[in-house]
N, C-alpha and C. Protein backbone atom coordinates (compact mmCIF):
# COMPACT_ATOMS: atom_id res chain seq x y z
N UNK A 1 4.15 47.31 -8.00
CA UNK A 1 4.26 46.06 -7.26
C UNK A 1 3.43 44.99 -7.96
N UNK A 2 4.03 43.82 -8.17
CA UNK A 2 3.38 42.69 -8.85
C UNK A 2 2.61 41.83 -7.89
N UNK A 3 1.54 41.21 -8.38
CA UNK A 3 0.78 40.27 -7.67
C UNK A 3 1.54 38.97 -7.50
N UNK A 4 1.36 38.28 -6.45
CA UNK A 4 1.95 37.01 -6.20
C UNK A 4 1.52 36.02 -7.26
N UNK A 5 2.36 35.12 -7.75
CA UNK A 5 1.94 34.17 -8.78
C UNK A 5 0.94 33.20 -8.19
N UNK A 6 0.03 32.89 -9.03
CA UNK A 6 -1.07 31.94 -8.67
C UNK A 6 -0.56 30.53 -8.97
N UNK A 7 -0.64 29.68 -7.97
CA UNK A 7 -0.26 28.30 -8.15
C UNK A 7 -1.52 27.44 -8.50
N UNK A 8 -1.34 26.57 -9.45
CA UNK A 8 -2.36 25.66 -9.79
C UNK A 8 -2.36 24.55 -8.71
N UNK A 9 -3.52 24.18 -8.26
CA UNK A 9 -3.58 23.10 -7.27
C UNK A 9 -3.38 21.80 -8.05
N UNK A 10 -2.76 20.84 -7.39
CA UNK A 10 -2.47 19.53 -8.00
C UNK A 10 -3.78 18.77 -8.13
N UNK A 11 -3.89 18.06 -9.12
CA UNK A 11 -5.09 17.18 -9.32
C UNK A 11 -4.91 15.97 -8.42
N UNK A 12 -5.89 15.72 -7.57
CA UNK A 12 -5.77 14.64 -6.64
C UNK A 12 -5.64 13.34 -7.38
N UNK A 13 -4.92 12.43 -6.73
CA UNK A 13 -4.78 11.11 -7.33
C UNK A 13 -6.06 10.31 -7.12
N UNK A 14 -6.16 9.20 -7.85
CA UNK A 14 -7.34 8.32 -7.69
C UNK A 14 -7.46 7.82 -6.24
N UNK A 15 -6.33 7.57 -5.65
CA UNK A 15 -6.38 7.11 -4.26
C UNK A 15 -6.90 8.18 -3.29
N UNK A 16 -6.44 9.44 -3.57
CA UNK A 16 -6.97 10.55 -2.74
C UNK A 16 -8.46 10.73 -2.90
N UNK A 17 -8.90 10.63 -4.16
CA UNK A 17 -10.31 10.84 -4.44
C UNK A 17 -11.16 9.71 -3.80
N UNK A 18 -10.60 8.45 -3.82
CA UNK A 18 -11.33 7.34 -3.23
C UNK A 18 -11.33 7.45 -1.78
N UNK A 19 -10.28 7.93 -1.09
CA UNK A 19 -10.33 8.15 0.32
C UNK A 19 -11.30 9.19 0.72
N UNK A 20 -11.38 10.26 -0.09
CA UNK A 20 -12.38 11.31 0.19
C UNK A 20 -13.83 10.78 0.13
N UNK A 21 -14.09 9.99 -0.91
CA UNK A 21 -15.50 9.36 -0.99
C UNK A 21 -15.69 8.41 0.16
N UNK A 22 -14.66 7.70 0.53
CA UNK A 22 -14.76 6.73 1.58
C UNK A 22 -15.00 7.46 2.94
N UNK A 23 -14.40 8.58 3.14
CA UNK A 23 -14.62 9.27 4.37
C UNK A 23 -16.05 9.88 4.45
N UNK A 24 -16.57 10.19 3.29
CA UNK A 24 -18.01 10.71 3.27
C UNK A 24 -18.99 9.57 3.53
N UNK A 25 -18.74 8.41 3.02
CA UNK A 25 -19.71 7.32 3.05
C UNK A 25 -19.63 6.48 4.29
N UNK A 26 -18.43 6.34 4.87
CA UNK A 26 -18.28 5.40 5.99
C UNK A 26 -18.01 6.10 7.26
N UNK A 27 -18.41 5.47 8.34
CA UNK A 27 -18.01 6.04 9.67
C UNK A 27 -16.53 5.66 9.92
N UNK A 28 -16.01 6.37 10.91
CA UNK A 28 -14.58 6.16 11.21
C UNK A 28 -14.17 4.74 11.53
N UNK A 29 -15.08 3.98 12.21
CA UNK A 29 -14.75 2.62 12.52
C UNK A 29 -14.62 1.68 11.32
N UNK A 30 -15.46 1.95 10.39
CA UNK A 30 -15.43 1.16 9.15
C UNK A 30 -14.21 1.46 8.31
N UNK A 31 -13.83 2.76 8.33
CA UNK A 31 -12.58 3.14 7.63
C UNK A 31 -11.39 2.49 8.26
N UNK A 32 -11.34 2.49 9.54
CA UNK A 32 -10.21 1.90 10.31
C UNK A 32 -10.15 0.42 9.96
N UNK A 33 -11.29 -0.24 10.01
CA UNK A 33 -11.37 -1.67 9.76
C UNK A 33 -10.88 -2.00 8.35
N UNK A 34 -11.34 -1.18 7.39
CA UNK A 34 -10.92 -1.37 6.01
C UNK A 34 -9.38 -1.24 5.83
N UNK A 35 -8.88 -0.14 6.43
CA UNK A 35 -7.46 0.09 6.32
C UNK A 35 -6.61 -1.06 7.03
N UNK A 36 -7.15 -1.47 8.17
CA UNK A 36 -6.43 -2.59 8.85
C UNK A 36 -6.46 -3.87 8.00
N UNK A 37 -7.58 -4.15 7.35
CA UNK A 37 -7.71 -5.30 6.46
C UNK A 37 -6.74 -5.24 5.33
N UNK A 38 -6.65 -4.00 4.74
CA UNK A 38 -5.73 -3.85 3.59
C UNK A 38 -4.30 -3.94 4.06
N UNK A 39 -3.94 -3.44 5.23
CA UNK A 39 -2.63 -3.58 5.76
C UNK A 39 -2.28 -5.06 5.99
N UNK A 40 -3.25 -5.87 6.44
CA UNK A 40 -3.03 -7.31 6.59
C UNK A 40 -2.82 -7.97 5.29
N UNK A 41 -3.50 -7.58 4.24
CA UNK A 41 -3.30 -8.16 2.91
C UNK A 41 -1.92 -7.89 2.41
N UNK A 42 -1.47 -6.65 2.55
CA UNK A 42 -0.12 -6.25 2.12
C UNK A 42 0.99 -7.02 2.94
N UNK A 43 0.75 -7.22 4.26
CA UNK A 43 1.70 -7.91 5.04
C UNK A 43 1.72 -9.38 4.65
N UNK A 44 0.54 -9.97 4.32
CA UNK A 44 0.56 -11.36 3.92
C UNK A 44 1.25 -11.59 2.62
N UNK A 45 1.08 -10.63 1.71
CA UNK A 45 1.84 -10.67 0.43
C UNK A 45 3.31 -10.58 0.66
N UNK A 46 3.74 -9.69 1.58
CA UNK A 46 5.16 -9.52 1.86
C UNK A 46 5.73 -10.86 2.41
N UNK A 47 4.96 -11.44 3.41
CA UNK A 47 5.46 -12.73 3.96
C UNK A 47 5.52 -13.82 2.92
N UNK A 48 4.55 -13.89 2.02
CA UNK A 48 4.57 -14.85 0.98
C UNK A 48 5.77 -14.69 0.08
N UNK A 49 6.10 -13.46 -0.28
CA UNK A 49 7.21 -13.17 -1.11
C UNK A 49 8.50 -13.61 -0.39
N UNK A 50 8.62 -13.24 0.93
CA UNK A 50 9.77 -13.65 1.72
C UNK A 50 9.91 -15.22 1.77
N UNK A 51 8.76 -15.85 1.94
CA UNK A 51 8.83 -17.34 1.97
C UNK A 51 9.33 -17.94 0.66
N UNK A 52 8.84 -17.41 -0.49
CA UNK A 52 9.28 -17.91 -1.73
C UNK A 52 10.81 -17.65 -1.93
N UNK A 53 11.25 -16.50 -1.56
CA UNK A 53 12.67 -16.19 -1.61
C UNK A 53 13.49 -17.10 -0.78
N UNK A 54 12.99 -17.43 0.43
CA UNK A 54 13.71 -18.35 1.30
C UNK A 54 13.75 -19.77 0.71
N UNK A 55 12.62 -20.22 0.13
CA UNK A 55 12.60 -21.55 -0.49
C UNK A 55 13.56 -21.62 -1.63
N UNK A 56 13.68 -20.57 -2.48
CA UNK A 56 14.60 -20.55 -3.55
C UNK A 56 16.07 -20.61 -3.12
N UNK A 57 16.33 -19.81 -2.04
CA UNK A 57 17.68 -19.83 -1.45
C UNK A 57 18.00 -21.25 -0.98
N UNK A 58 17.10 -21.87 -0.23
CA UNK A 58 17.32 -23.24 0.23
C UNK A 58 17.52 -24.22 -0.91
N UNK A 59 16.77 -24.10 -1.96
CA UNK A 59 16.92 -24.96 -3.11
C UNK A 59 18.26 -24.82 -3.78
N UNK A 60 18.70 -23.53 -3.85
CA UNK A 60 20.05 -23.30 -4.47
C UNK A 60 21.14 -23.92 -3.57
N UNK A 61 20.97 -23.77 -2.21
CA UNK A 61 21.96 -24.29 -1.31
C UNK A 61 22.02 -25.85 -1.33
N UNK A 62 20.85 -26.48 -1.39
CA UNK A 62 20.85 -27.95 -1.48
C UNK A 62 21.28 -28.49 -2.82
N UNK A 63 21.07 -27.64 -3.86
CA UNK A 63 21.48 -28.10 -5.17
C UNK A 63 23.00 -28.13 -5.32
N UNK A 64 23.65 -27.24 -4.56
CA UNK A 64 25.11 -27.15 -4.57
C UNK A 64 25.66 -28.37 -3.82
N UNK A 65 25.08 -28.55 -2.67
CA UNK A 65 25.42 -29.73 -1.83
C UNK A 65 26.85 -29.75 -1.28
N UNK A 66 27.12 -30.74 -0.42
CA UNK A 66 28.49 -30.80 0.13
C UNK A 66 29.46 -31.48 -0.74
């Protein structure tokens, strides 16, 4: 009978390592606040991108004109 193959564990990504350190250093409330802040930053970036795309679409529409 052969032994089961041994799997190498994946090397954690930088993000995983950073979250592990974060969980050791910060209380749960601080982690939640930081994640909420980052989510807000990403949402603001998404809205800014959507706004720029809408402005460009309006500029193309008005450039064609009636």
